[in-house]
Amino acid sequence: MDEEIIREKRREIIEGDLEPTGSERFFEGDLIVTGNVKDDVSICVNGKVEIYGMVEAAIIRAHGDIIVHGGLPGRAYLDSGGSVVVHYVNNSSIVSTGNIFIKTGATHCMLTADNEISLDPERGLLSGGMARAGNAITAATVGSLYRTETVLEVGITPIFRAESQRIAERIEFLRRELDETRKVFDLIVNSDPRTLSQRQLKLLDQIPLLQMKLSYLSKELGKYSRMYQSVQKAIEEDLTGGFIRVFKKVYPGVKITINFTSMQVTDMFEDVIFEESGGRIECRRPEGAIS
């Protein structure tokens, strides 16, 4: 069915499916789609979005909330400046500066919410992929009998956690590069030229370049180390004391990180809350501690 656009004040209604046009489309105000958002659609909406069907392998960016009455069957990407509400999600990514609410399940997804990720307490399955939330993650079931690798992270605003990991990886790369360059430099400078191979002899002409590289790497390492300290300070000021609530079962194969502390789930638990205390993740039932 071809789309039929009804324009109202600061709102556009697309009757039927939203089809790809070959380029990104922009909507000023709210957008309602009564059908599906088809493969290869890319839209940017300066307001809220409500989809009455499914979102296929499409991209939706919105300044406001995104509501999908159907689901995300695969390879969709939603980025919301508000909250996101969907029926189910599979092999897709959702980013929200507010909350993510999922009515049934999320399998093999990347979910990121500054506040909370919440699945239905009776049937909400979270299995595979990664879920990051600033304050809380709640679901009926996490993981699977097949030990599906599932990563949950709470307590740190996701953008801070991602930036911290990015800088840490850069620092590790710079340290390796600096160490390898220093070894080559020391070998050339401190060796008897008569003992060097032809390849190493050629490096004698590159000593000035090696000195420049050592200086550059040292400065970069110092810069990123200072950046890392600044981000860590911001994280410590931002810590929320987040928690993970599983109403039914959490299976082995799930990795949990709360604030800076991680644990691997090795046994099945039922009806539990995970919290961090004193550098240790504690697992308890709502009425009392169990580990």
C-alpha atoms as a PDB file:
ATOM      1  CA  MET A   1       0.000   0.000   0.000  1.00  0.00           C
ATOM      2  CA  ASP A   2       1.426   3.363  -1.003  1.00  0.00           C
ATOM      3  CA  GLU A   3       1.825   5.828   1.807  1.00  0.00           C
ATOM      4  CA  GLU A   4      -0.673   8.634   2.139  1.00  0.00           C
ATOM      5  CA  ILE A   5       0.546  11.618   4.126  1.00  0.00           C
ATOM      6  CA  ILE A   6      -1.887  13.664   6.188  1.00  0.00           C
ATOM      7  CA  ARG A   7      -0.334  16.871   7.494  1.00  0.00           C
ATOM      8  CA  GLU A   8      -1.668  18.424  10.645  1.00  0.00           C
ATOM      9  CA  LYS A   9      -0.198  21.182  12.754  1.00  0.00           C
ATOM     10  CA  ARG A  10       3.314  19.999  13.714  1.00  0.00           C
ATOM     11  CA  ARG A  11       2.318  16.392  13.021  1.00  0.00           C
ATOM     12  CA  GLU A  12       2.445  14.127   9.988  1.00  0.00           C
ATOM     13  CA  ILE A  13       0.415  10.933   9.638  1.00  0.00           C
ATOM     14  CA  ILE A  14       1.490   8.352   7.078  1.00  0.00           C
ATOM     15  CA  GLU A  15      -1.390   6.041   6.234  1.00  0.00           C
ATOM     16  CA  GLY A  16       0.120   2.660   5.397  1.00  0.00           C
ATOM     17  CA  ASP A  17       3.753   1.626   5.195  1.00  0.00           C
ATOM     18  CA  LEU A  18       6.681   4.007   5.186  1.00  0.00           C
ATOM     19  CA  GLU A  19       8.797   3.027   2.181  1.00  0.00           C
ATOM     20  CA  PRO A  20      12.474   3.864   1.489  1.00  0.00           C
ATOM     21  CA  THR A  21      13.269   6.801  -0.782  1.00  0.00           C
ATOM     22  CA  GLY A  22      16.993   6.261  -1.208  1.00  0.00           C
ATOM     23  CA  SER A  23      17.922   9.065   1.177  1.00  0.00           C
ATOM     24  CA  GLU A  24      17.226  10.161   4.735  1.00  0.00           C
ATOM     25  CA  ARG A  25      13.891  11.901   5.298  1.00  0.00           C
ATOM     26  CA  PHE A  26      13.316  14.695   7.808  1.00  0.00           C
ATOM     27  CA  PHE A  27      10.054  15.393   9.615  1.00  0.00           C
ATOM     28  CA  GLU A  28       9.435  18.648  11.480  1.00  0.00           C
ATOM     29  CA  GLY A  29       7.253  17.780  14.462  1.00  0.00           C
ATOM     30  CA  ASP A  30       5.656  14.457  15.423  1.00  0.00           C
ATOM     31  CA  LEU A  31       5.263  11.480  13.077  1.00  0.00           C
ATOM     32  CA  ILE A  32       2.653   8.702  13.066  1.00  0.00           C
ATOM     33  CA  VAL A  33       2.897   5.682  10.745  1.00  0.00           C
ATOM     34  CA  THR A  34      -0.180   3.424  10.644  1.00  0.00           C
ATOM     35  CA  GLY A  35       1.678   0.590   8.896  1.00  0.00           C
ATOM     36  CA  ASN A  36       5.237  -0.734   8.958  1.00  0.00           C
ATOM     37  CA  VAL A  37       8.546   1.051   8.516  1.00  0.00           C
ATOM     38  CA  LYS A  38      10.163  -0.918   5.718  1.00  0.00           C
ATOM     39  CA  ASP A  39      13.753  -2.059   5.130  1.00  0.00           C
ATOM     40  CA  ASP A  40      16.305   0.671   4.299  1.00  0.00           C
ATOM     41  CA  VAL A  41      14.155   3.554   5.549  1.00  0.00           C
ATOM     42  CA  SER A  42      16.143   6.267   7.334  1.00  0.00           C
ATOM     43  CA  ILE A  43      14.282   9.095   9.069  1.00  0.00           C
ATOM     44  CA  CYS A  44      15.067  11.939  11.462  1.00  0.00           C
ATOM     45  CA  VAL A  45      12.107  13.354  13.390  1.00  0.00           C
ATOM     46  CA  ASN A  46      12.077  16.613  15.333  1.00  0.00           C
ATOM     47  CA  GLY A  47       9.436  15.316  17.721  1.00  0.00           C
ATOM     48  CA  LYS A  48       7.795  12.051  18.794  1.00  0.00           C
ATOM     49  CA  VAL A  49       7.338   8.935  16.658  1.00  0.00           C
ATOM     50  CA  GLU A  50       4.550   6.367  16.862  1.00  0.00           C
ATOM     51  CA  ILE A  51       4.567   3.274  14.639  1.00  0.00           C
ATOM     52  CA  TYR A  52       1.496   1.019  14.635  1.00  0.00           C
ATOM     53  CA  GLY A  53       3.232  -1.782  12.750  1.00  0.00           C
ATOM     54  CA  MET A  54       6.789  -3.117  12.783  1.00  0.00           C
ATOM     55  CA  VAL A  55      10.117  -1.428  12.188  1.00  0.00           C
ATOM     56  CA  GLU A  56      12.124  -3.586   9.816  1.00  0.00           C
ATOM     57  CA  ALA A  57      15.828  -3.021   9.011  1.00  0.00           C
ATOM     58  CA  ALA A  58      15.409   0.734   9.263  1.00  0.00           C
ATOM     59  CA  ILE A  59      16.908   3.713  11.110  1.00  0.00           C
ATOM     60  CA  ILE A  60      14.776   6.057  13.212  1.00  0.00           C
ATOM     61  CA  ARG A  61      16.225   9.044  15.030  1.00  0.00           C
ATOM     62  CA  ALA A  62      13.882  11.227  17.069  1.00  0.00           C
ATOM     63  CA  HIS A  63      14.198  14.112  19.512  1.00  0.00           C
ATOM     64  CA  GLY A  64      11.208  12.767  21.443  1.00  0.00           C
ATOM     65  CA  ASP A  65       9.788   9.387  22.423  1.00  0.00           C
ATOM     66  CA  ILE A  66       9.600   6.455  19.994  1.00  0.00           C
ATOM     67  CA  ILE A  67       6.658   4.055  20.363  1.00  0.00           C
ATOM     68  CA  VAL A  68       6.461   0.894  18.240  1.00  0.00           C
ATOM     69  CA  HIS A  69       3.242  -1.097  18.699  1.00  0.00           C
ATOM     70  CA  GLY A  70       4.673  -3.961  16.674  1.00  0.00           C
ATOM     71  CA  GLY A  71       8.256  -5.078  17.057  1.00  0.00           C
ATOM     72  CA  LEU A  72      11.745  -4.911  15.658  1.00  0.00           C
ATOM     73  CA  PRO A  73      12.283  -8.262  13.865  1.00  0.00           C
ATOM     74  CA  GLY A  74      15.905  -7.563  12.961  1.00  0.00           C
ATOM     75  CA  ARG A  75      18.614  -5.017  12.119  1.00  0.00           C
ATOM     76  CA  ALA A  76      16.669  -1.943  13.203  1.00  0.00           C
ATOM     77  CA  TYR A  77      18.265   1.066  14.888  1.00  0.00           C
ATOM     78  CA  LEU A  78      16.306   3.442  17.124  1.00  0.00           C
ATOM     79  CA  ASP A  79      17.852   6.551  18.697  1.00  0.00           C
ATOM     80  CA  SER A  80      15.557   8.558  20.966  1.00  0.00           C
ATOM     81  CA  GLY A  81      16.016  11.805  22.857  1.00  0.00           C
ATOM     82  CA  GLY A  82      13.211  10.590  25.121  1.00  0.00           C
ATOM     83  CA  SER A  83      12.027   7.088  25.968  1.00  0.00           C
ATOM     84  CA  VAL A  84      11.395   4.057  23.742  1.00  0.00           C
ATOM     85  CA  VAL A  85       8.454   1.640  23.993  1.00  0.00           C
ATOM     86  CA  VAL A  86       8.416  -1.495  21.807  1.00  0.00           C
ATOM     87  CA  HIS A  87       6.583  -4.824  21.799  1.00  0.00           C
ATOM     88  CA  TYR A  88       9.640  -6.997  21.102  1.00  0.00           C
ATOM     89  CA  VAL A  89      13.182  -6.596  19.772  1.00  0.00           C
ATOM     90  CA  ASN A  90      15.453  -9.013  17.912  1.00  0.00           C
ATOM     91  CA  ASN A  91      19.000  -8.434  16.674  1.00  0.00           C
ATOM     92  CA  SER A  92      18.572  -4.656  16.781  1.00  0.00           C
ATOM     93  CA  SER A  93      19.950  -1.594  18.583  1.00  0.00           C
ATOM     94  CA  ILE A  94      18.125   0.949  20.730  1.00  0.00           C
ATOM     95  CA  VAL A  95      19.633   4.076  22.284  1.00  0.00           C
ATOM     96  CA  SER A  96      17.597   6.246  24.663  1.00  0.00           C
ATOM     97  CA  THR A  97      18.388   9.233  26.870  1.00  0.00           C
ATOM     98  CA  GLY A  98      15.442   8.165  29.039  1.00  0.00           C
ATOM     99  CA  ASN A  99      13.973   4.675  29.463  1.00  0.00           C
ATOM    100  CA  ILE A 100      13.511   1.609  27.279  1.00  0.00           C
ATOM    101  CA  PHE A 101      10.314  -0.382  27.867  1.00  0.00           C
ATOM    102  CA  ILE A 102       9.934  -3.772  26.134  1.00  0.00           C
ATOM    103  CA  LYS A 103       6.668  -5.672  26.464  1.00  0.00           C
ATOM    104  CA  THR A 104       7.777  -9.215  25.651  1.00  0.00           C
ATOM    105  CA  GLY A 105      11.408  -9.887  24.832  1.00  0.00           C
ATOM    106  CA  ALA A 106      14.784  -8.698  23.565  1.00  0.00           C
ATOM    107  CA  THR A 107      17.138 -11.232  21.977  1.00  0.00           C
ATOM    108  CA  HIS A 108      20.678 -10.545  20.751  1.00  0.00           C
ATOM    109  CA  CYS A 109      20.302  -6.772  20.970  1.00  0.00           C
ATOM    110  CA  MET A 110      22.326  -3.720  21.953  1.00  0.00           C
ATOM    111  CA  LEU A 111      20.220  -1.708  24.408  1.00  0.00           C
ATOM    112  CA  THR A 112      21.445   1.559  25.922  1.00  0.00           C
ATOM    113  CA  ALA A 113      19.386   3.782  28.237  1.00  0.00           C
ATOM    114  CA  ASP A 114      20.538   6.630  30.460  1.00  0.00           C
ATOM    115  CA  ASN A 115      17.904   5.717  33.054  1.00  0.00           C
ATOM    116  CA  GLU A 116      16.214   2.302  32.988  1.00  0.00           C
ATOM    117  CA  ILE A 117      15.690  -0.744  30.775  1.00  0.00           C
ATOM    118  CA  SER A 118      12.479  -2.494  31.750  1.00  0.00           C
ATOM    119  CA  LEU A 119      10.911  -5.671  30.377  1.00  0.00           C
ATOM    120  CA  ASP A 120       7.561  -7.123  31.388  1.00  0.00           C
ATOM    121  CA  PRO A 121       7.909  -8.831  34.821  1.00  0.00           C
ATOM    122  CA  GLU A 122       5.851 -11.836  33.687  1.00  0.00           C
ATOM    123  CA  ARG A 123       7.099 -12.579  30.168  1.00  0.00           C
ATOM    124  CA  GLY A 124       9.973 -10.197  29.476  1.00  0.00           C
ATOM    125  CA  LEU A 125      12.952 -12.230  28.214  1.00  0.00           C
ATOM    126  CA  LEU A 126      16.371 -10.580  27.904  1.00  0.00           C
ATOM    127  CA  SER A 127      18.787 -12.985  26.231  1.00  0.00           C
ATOM    128  CA  GLY A 128      21.953 -12.413  24.228  1.00  0.00           C
ATOM    129  CA  GLY A 129      23.671  -9.149  23.430  1.00  0.00           C
ATOM    130  CA  MET A 130      24.275  -6.260  25.809  1.00  0.00           C
ATOM    131  CA  ALA A 131      22.021  -4.034  27.931  1.00  0.00           C
ATOM    132  CA  ARG A 132      23.447  -0.872  29.513  1.00  0.00           C
ATOM    133  CA  ALA A 133      21.421   1.374  31.816  1.00  0.00           C
ATOM    134  CA  GLY A 134      22.306   4.196  34.154  1.00  0.00           C
ATOM    135  CA  ASN A 135      19.991   3.160  36.985  1.00  0.00           C
ATOM    136  CA  ALA A 136      18.256  -0.201  36.597  1.00  0.00           C
ATOM    137  CA  ILE A 137      17.530  -3.235  34.434  1.00  0.00           C
ATOM    138  CA  THR A 138      14.435  -5.318  35.177  1.00  0.00           C
ATOM    139  CA  ALA A 139      13.147  -8.418  33.386  1.00  0.00           C
ATOM    140  CA  ALA A 140      11.270 -11.657  33.986  1.00  0.00           C
ATOM    141  CA  THR A 141      14.062 -13.864  32.616  1.00  0.00           C
ATOM    142  CA  VAL A 142      17.692 -13.146  31.741  1.00  0.00           C
ATOM    143  CA  GLY A 143      19.860 -15.480  29.647  1.00  0.00           C
ATOM    144  CA  SER A 144      18.819 -18.990  28.613  1.00  0.00           C
ATOM    145  CA  LEU A 145      19.265 -22.681  29.352  1.00  0.00           C
ATOM    146  CA  TYR A 146      21.910 -22.724  26.619  1.00  0.00           C
ATOM    147  CA  ARG A 147      24.150 -20.293  28.551  1.00  0.00           C
ATOM    148  CA  THR A 148      23.627 -17.575  25.973  1.00  0.00           C
ATOM    149  CA  GLU A 149      26.203 -14.845  26.562  1.00  0.00           C
ATOM    150  CA  THR A 150      24.266 -11.888  27.942  1.00  0.00           C
ATOM    151  CA  VAL A 151      25.913  -8.749  29.348  1.00  0.00           C
ATOM    152  CA  LEU A 152      24.135  -6.389  31.758  1.00  0.00           C
ATOM    153  CA  GLU A 153      25.671  -3.126  32.991  1.00  0.00           C
ATOM    154  CA  VAL A 154      24.117  -0.587  35.386  1.00  0.00           C
ATOM    155  CA  GLY A 155      25.144   2.184  37.768  1.00  0.00           C
ATOM    156  CA  ILE A 156      27.113   4.363  35.341  1.00  0.00           C
ATOM    157  CA  THR A 157      25.563   6.529  32.640  1.00  0.00           C
ATOM    158  CA  PRO A 158      26.260   4.536  29.440  1.00  0.00           C
ATOM    159  CA  ILE A 159      27.962   7.398  27.607  1.00  0.00           C
ATOM    160  CA  PHE A 160      30.468   7.736  30.473  1.00  0.00           C
ATOM    161  CA  ARG A 161      31.097   3.988  30.551  1.00  0.00           C
ATOM    162  CA  ALA A 162      31.604   3.828  26.775  1.00  0.00           C
ATOM    163  CA  GLU A 163      33.950   6.821  26.814  1.00  0.00           C
ATOM    164  CA  SER A 164      35.930   5.315  29.684  1.00  0.00           C
ATOM    165  CA  GLN A 165      36.353   2.049  27.768  1.00  0.00           C
ATOM    166  CA  ARG A 166      37.306   3.878  24.566  1.00  0.00           C
ATOM    167  CA  ILE A 167      40.009   5.890  26.351  1.00  0.00           C
ATOM    168  CA  ALA A 168      41.274   2.817  28.228  1.00  0.00           C
ATOM    169  CA  GLU A 169      41.655   0.943  24.925  1.00  0.00           C
ATOM    170  CA  ARG A 170      43.528   3.906  23.425  1.00  0.00           C
ATOM    171  CA  ILE A 171      45.851   4.039  26.443  1.00  0.00           C
ATOM    172  CA  GLU A 172      46.583   0.321  26.127  1.00  0.00           C
ATOM    173  CA  PHE A 173      47.378   0.745  22.406  1.00  0.00           C
ATOM    174  CA  LEU A 174      49.693   3.709  23.094  1.00  0.00           C
ATOM    175  CA  ARG A 175      51.520   1.806  25.832  1.00  0.00           C
ATOM    176  CA  ARG A 176      52.164  -1.156  23.526  1.00  0.00           C
ATOM    177  CA  GLU A 177      53.281   1.108  20.696  1.00  0.00           C
ATOM    178  CA  LEU A 178      55.546   3.112  23.011  1.00  0.00           C
ATOM    179  CA  ASP A 179      57.086  -0.046  24.457  1.00  0.00           C
ATOM    180  CA  GLU A 180      57.781  -1.556  21.022  1.00  0.00           C
ATOM    181  CA  THR A 181      59.236   1.699  19.677  1.00  0.00           C
ATOM    182  CA  ARG A 182      61.459   2.112  22.736  1.00  0.00           C
ATOM    183  CA  LYS A 183      62.801  -1.445  22.322  1.00  0.00           C
ATOM    184  CA  VAL A 184      63.727  -0.774  18.678  1.00  0.00           C
ATOM    185  CA  PHE A 185      65.323   2.559  19.584  1.00  0.00           C
ATOM    186  CA  ASP A 186      67.369   1.067  22.438  1.00  0.00           C
ATOM    187  CA  LEU A 187      68.489  -1.835  20.255  1.00  0.00           C
ATOM    188  CA  ILE A 188      69.786   0.481  17.529  1.00  0.00           C
ATOM    189  CA  VAL A 189      71.388   3.051  19.822  1.00  0.00           C
ATOM    190  CA  ASN A 190      73.051   0.632  22.235  1.00  0.00           C
ATOM    191  CA  SER A 191      74.261  -2.020  19.801  1.00  0.00           C
ATOM    192  CA  ASP A 192      77.578  -2.354  18.016  1.00  0.00           C
ATOM    193  CA  PRO A 193      76.875  -1.562  14.330  1.00  0.00           C
ATOM    194  CA  ARG A 194      78.963  -4.598  13.366  1.00  0.00           C
ATOM    195  CA  THR A 195      76.426  -6.900  15.054  1.00  0.00           C
ATOM    196  CA  LEU A 196      73.355  -5.420  13.400  1.00  0.00           C
ATOM    197  CA  SER A 197      71.513  -6.992  10.489  1.00  0.00           C
ATOM    198  CA  GLN A 198      71.132  -5.145   7.189  1.00  0.00           C
ATOM    199  CA  ARG A 199      67.559  -4.258   8.102  1.00  0.00           C
ATOM    200  CA  GLN A 200      68.646  -2.901  11.492  1.00  0.00           C
ATOM    201  CA  LEU A 201      71.484  -0.925   9.917  1.00  0.00           C
ATOM    202  CA  LYS A 202      68.952   0.850   7.725  1.00  0.00           C
ATOM    203  CA  LEU A 203      67.159   1.922  10.897  1.00  0.00           C
ATOM    204  CA  LEU A 204      70.235   3.917  11.970  1.00  0.00           C
ATOM    205  CA  ASP A 205      69.152   6.624   9.539  1.00  0.00           C
ATOM    206  CA  GLN A 206      65.748   6.665  11.181  1.00  0.00           C
ATOM    207  CA  ILE A 207      66.924   7.431  14.712  1.00  0.00           C
ATOM    208  CA  PRO A 208      65.632  11.045  14.498  1.00  0.00           C
ATOM    209  CA  LEU A 209      62.243   9.739  13.355  1.00  0.00           C
ATOM    210  CA  LEU A 210      62.190   7.202  16.189  1.00  0.00           C
ATOM    211  CA  GLN A 211      62.967   9.993  18.650  1.00  0.00           C
ATOM    212  CA  MET A 212      60.076  12.037  17.262  1.00  0.00           C
ATOM    213  CA  LYS A 213      57.779   9.023  17.490  1.00  0.00           C
ATOM    214  CA  LEU A 214      58.787   8.363  21.109  1.00  0.00           C
ATOM    215  CA  SER A 215      58.099  11.989  21.990  1.00  0.00           C
ATOM    216  CA  TYR A 216      54.715  11.929  20.248  1.00  0.00           C
ATOM    217  CA  LEU A 217      53.627   8.654  21.864  1.00  0.00           C
ATOM    218  CA  SER A 218      54.698   9.861  25.317  1.00  0.00           C
ATOM    219  CA  LYS A 219      52.692  13.070  24.937  1.00  0.00           C
ATOM    220  CA  GLU A 220      49.646  11.182  23.633  1.00  0.00           C
ATOM    221  CA  LEU A 221      49.845   8.708  26.500  1.00  0.00           C
ATOM    222  CA  GLY A 222      49.985  11.558  28.994  1.00  0.00           C
ATOM    223  CA  LYS A 223      47.045  13.300  27.329  1.00  0.00           C
ATOM    224  CA  TYR A 224      44.834  10.219  27.310  1.00  0.00           C
ATOM    225  CA  SER A 225      45.822   9.335  30.873  1.00  0.00           C
ATOM    226  CA  ARG A 226      44.617  12.770  32.004  1.00  0.00           C
ATOM    227  CA  MET A 227      41.415  12.322  29.995  1.00  0.00           C
ATOM    228  CA  TYR A 228      40.850   8.953  31.642  1.00  0.00           C
ATOM    229  CA  GLN A 229      41.280  10.455  35.108  1.00  0.00           C
ATOM    230  CA  SER A 230      38.769  13.197  34.265  1.00  0.00           C
ATOM    231  CA  VAL A 231      36.218  10.684  32.994  1.00  0.00           C
ATOM    232  CA  GLN A 232      36.704   8.467  36.046  1.00  0.00           C
ATOM    233  CA  LYS A 233      36.115  11.469  38.305  1.00  0.00           C
ATOM    234  CA  ALA A 234      32.924  12.288  36.403  1.00  0.00           C
ATOM    235  CA  ILE A 235      31.820   8.658  36.700  1.00  0.00           C
ATOM    236  CA  GLU A 236      32.418   8.608  40.451  1.00  0.00           C
ATOM    237  CA  GLU A 237      30.306  11.745  40.815  1.00  0.00           C
ATOM    238  CA  ASP A 238      27.620  10.176  38.606  1.00  0.00           C
ATOM    239  CA  LEU A 239      27.336   6.768  40.311  1.00  0.00           C
ATOM    240  CA  THR A 240      23.701   5.911  40.956  1.00  0.00           C
ATOM    241  CA  GLY A 241      23.959   2.693  42.949  1.00  0.00           C
ATOM    242  CA  GLY A 242      22.012   0.912  40.228  1.00  0.00           C
ATOM    243  CA  PHE A 243      20.440  -2.528  40.490  1.00  0.00           C
ATOM    244  CA  ILE A 244      19.248  -5.461  38.388  1.00  0.00           C
ATOM    245  CA  ARG A 245      15.910  -7.110  39.177  1.00  0.00           C
ATOM    246  CA  VAL A 246      15.022 -10.532  37.733  1.00  0.00           C
ATOM    247  CA  PHE A 247      11.485 -11.634  38.585  1.00  0.00           C
ATOM    248  CA  LYS A 248      11.762 -15.248  37.417  1.00  0.00           C
ATOM    249  CA  LYS A 249      15.078 -16.790  36.354  1.00  0.00           C
ATOM    250  CA  VAL A 250      18.619 -15.699  35.564  1.00  0.00           C
ATOM    251  CA  TYR A 251      20.750 -18.369  33.901  1.00  0.00           C
ATOM    252  CA  PRO A 252      24.486 -19.133  33.869  1.00  0.00           C
ATOM    253  CA  GLY A 253      26.272 -17.315  31.060  1.00  0.00           C
ATOM    254  CA  VAL A 254      25.087 -13.880  32.164  1.00  0.00           C
ATOM    255  CA  LYS A 255      27.738 -11.288  33.038  1.00  0.00           C
ATOM    256  CA  ILE A 256      26.689  -8.511  35.411  1.00  0.00           C
ATOM    257  CA  THR A 257      28.517  -5.231  36.008  1.00  0.00           C
ATOM    258  CA  ILE A 258      27.287  -2.741  38.602  1.00  0.00           C
ATOM    259  CA  ASN A 259      29.319   0.448  38.899  1.00  0.00           C
ATOM    260  CA  PHE A 260      32.951  -0.817  38.632  1.00  0.00           C
ATOM    261  CA  THR A 261      32.305  -4.363  39.897  1.00  0.00           C
ATOM    262  CA  SER A 262      31.607  -7.414  37.717  1.00  0.00           C
ATOM    263  CA  MET A 263      30.487 -10.994  38.272  1.00  0.00           C
ATOM    264  CA  GLN A 264      29.768 -14.008  36.096  1.00  0.00           C
ATOM    265  CA  VAL A 265      26.580 -15.885  36.885  1.00  0.00           C
ATOM    266  CA  THR A 266      27.488 -19.569  37.284  1.00  0.00           C
ATOM    267  CA  ASP A 267      24.283 -20.868  38.896  1.00  0.00           C
ATOM    268  CA  MET A 268      20.629 -20.341  38.128  1.00  0.00           C
ATOM    269  CA  PHE A 269      18.807 -17.921  40.448  1.00  0.00           C
ATOM    270  CA  GLU A 270      15.109 -17.195  40.773  1.00  0.00           C
ATOM    271  CA  ASP A 271      13.365 -13.971  41.824  1.00  0.00           C
ATOM    272  CA  VAL A 272      16.487 -11.990  42.738  1.00  0.00           C
ATOM    273  CA  ILE A 273      17.957  -8.511  42.976  1.00  0.00           C
ATOM    274  CA  PHE A 274      21.615  -7.801  42.169  1.00  0.00           C
ATOM    275  CA  GLU A 275      23.233  -4.811  43.888  1.00  0.00           C
ATOM    276  CA  GLU A 276      26.788  -3.611  44.501  1.00  0.00           C
ATOM    277  CA  SER A 277      28.084  -3.051  48.010  1.00  0.00           C
ATOM    278  CA  GLY A 278      31.665  -2.504  49.112  1.00  0.00           C
ATOM    279  CA  GLY A 279      33.151  -3.573  45.795  1.00  0.00           C
ATOM    280  CA  ARG A 280      31.153  -6.810  45.720  1.00  0.00           C
ATOM    281  CA  ILE A 281      27.957  -7.710  43.878  1.00  0.00           C
ATOM    282  CA  GLU A 282      25.348  -9.102  46.235  1.00  0.00           C
ATOM    283  CA  CYS A 283      22.468 -11.276  45.100  1.00  0.00           C
ATOM    284  CA  ARG A 284      19.363 -11.340  47.292  1.00  0.00           C
ATOM    285  CA  ARG A 285      15.699 -12.101  47.196  1.00  0.00           C
ATOM    286  CA  PRO A 286      13.370  -9.141  47.654  1.00  0.00           C
ATOM    287  CA  GLU A 287      12.807 -10.208  51.285  1.00  0.00           C
ATOM    288  CA  GLY A 288      16.433 -11.011  52.200  1.00  0.00           C
ATOM    289  CA  ALA A 289      19.974 -11.918  51.184  1.00  0.00           C
ATOM    290  CA  ILE A 290      20.802 -15.265  49.563  1.00  0.00           C
ATOM    291  CA  SER A 291      24.514 -14.756  48.752  1.00  0.00           C
END
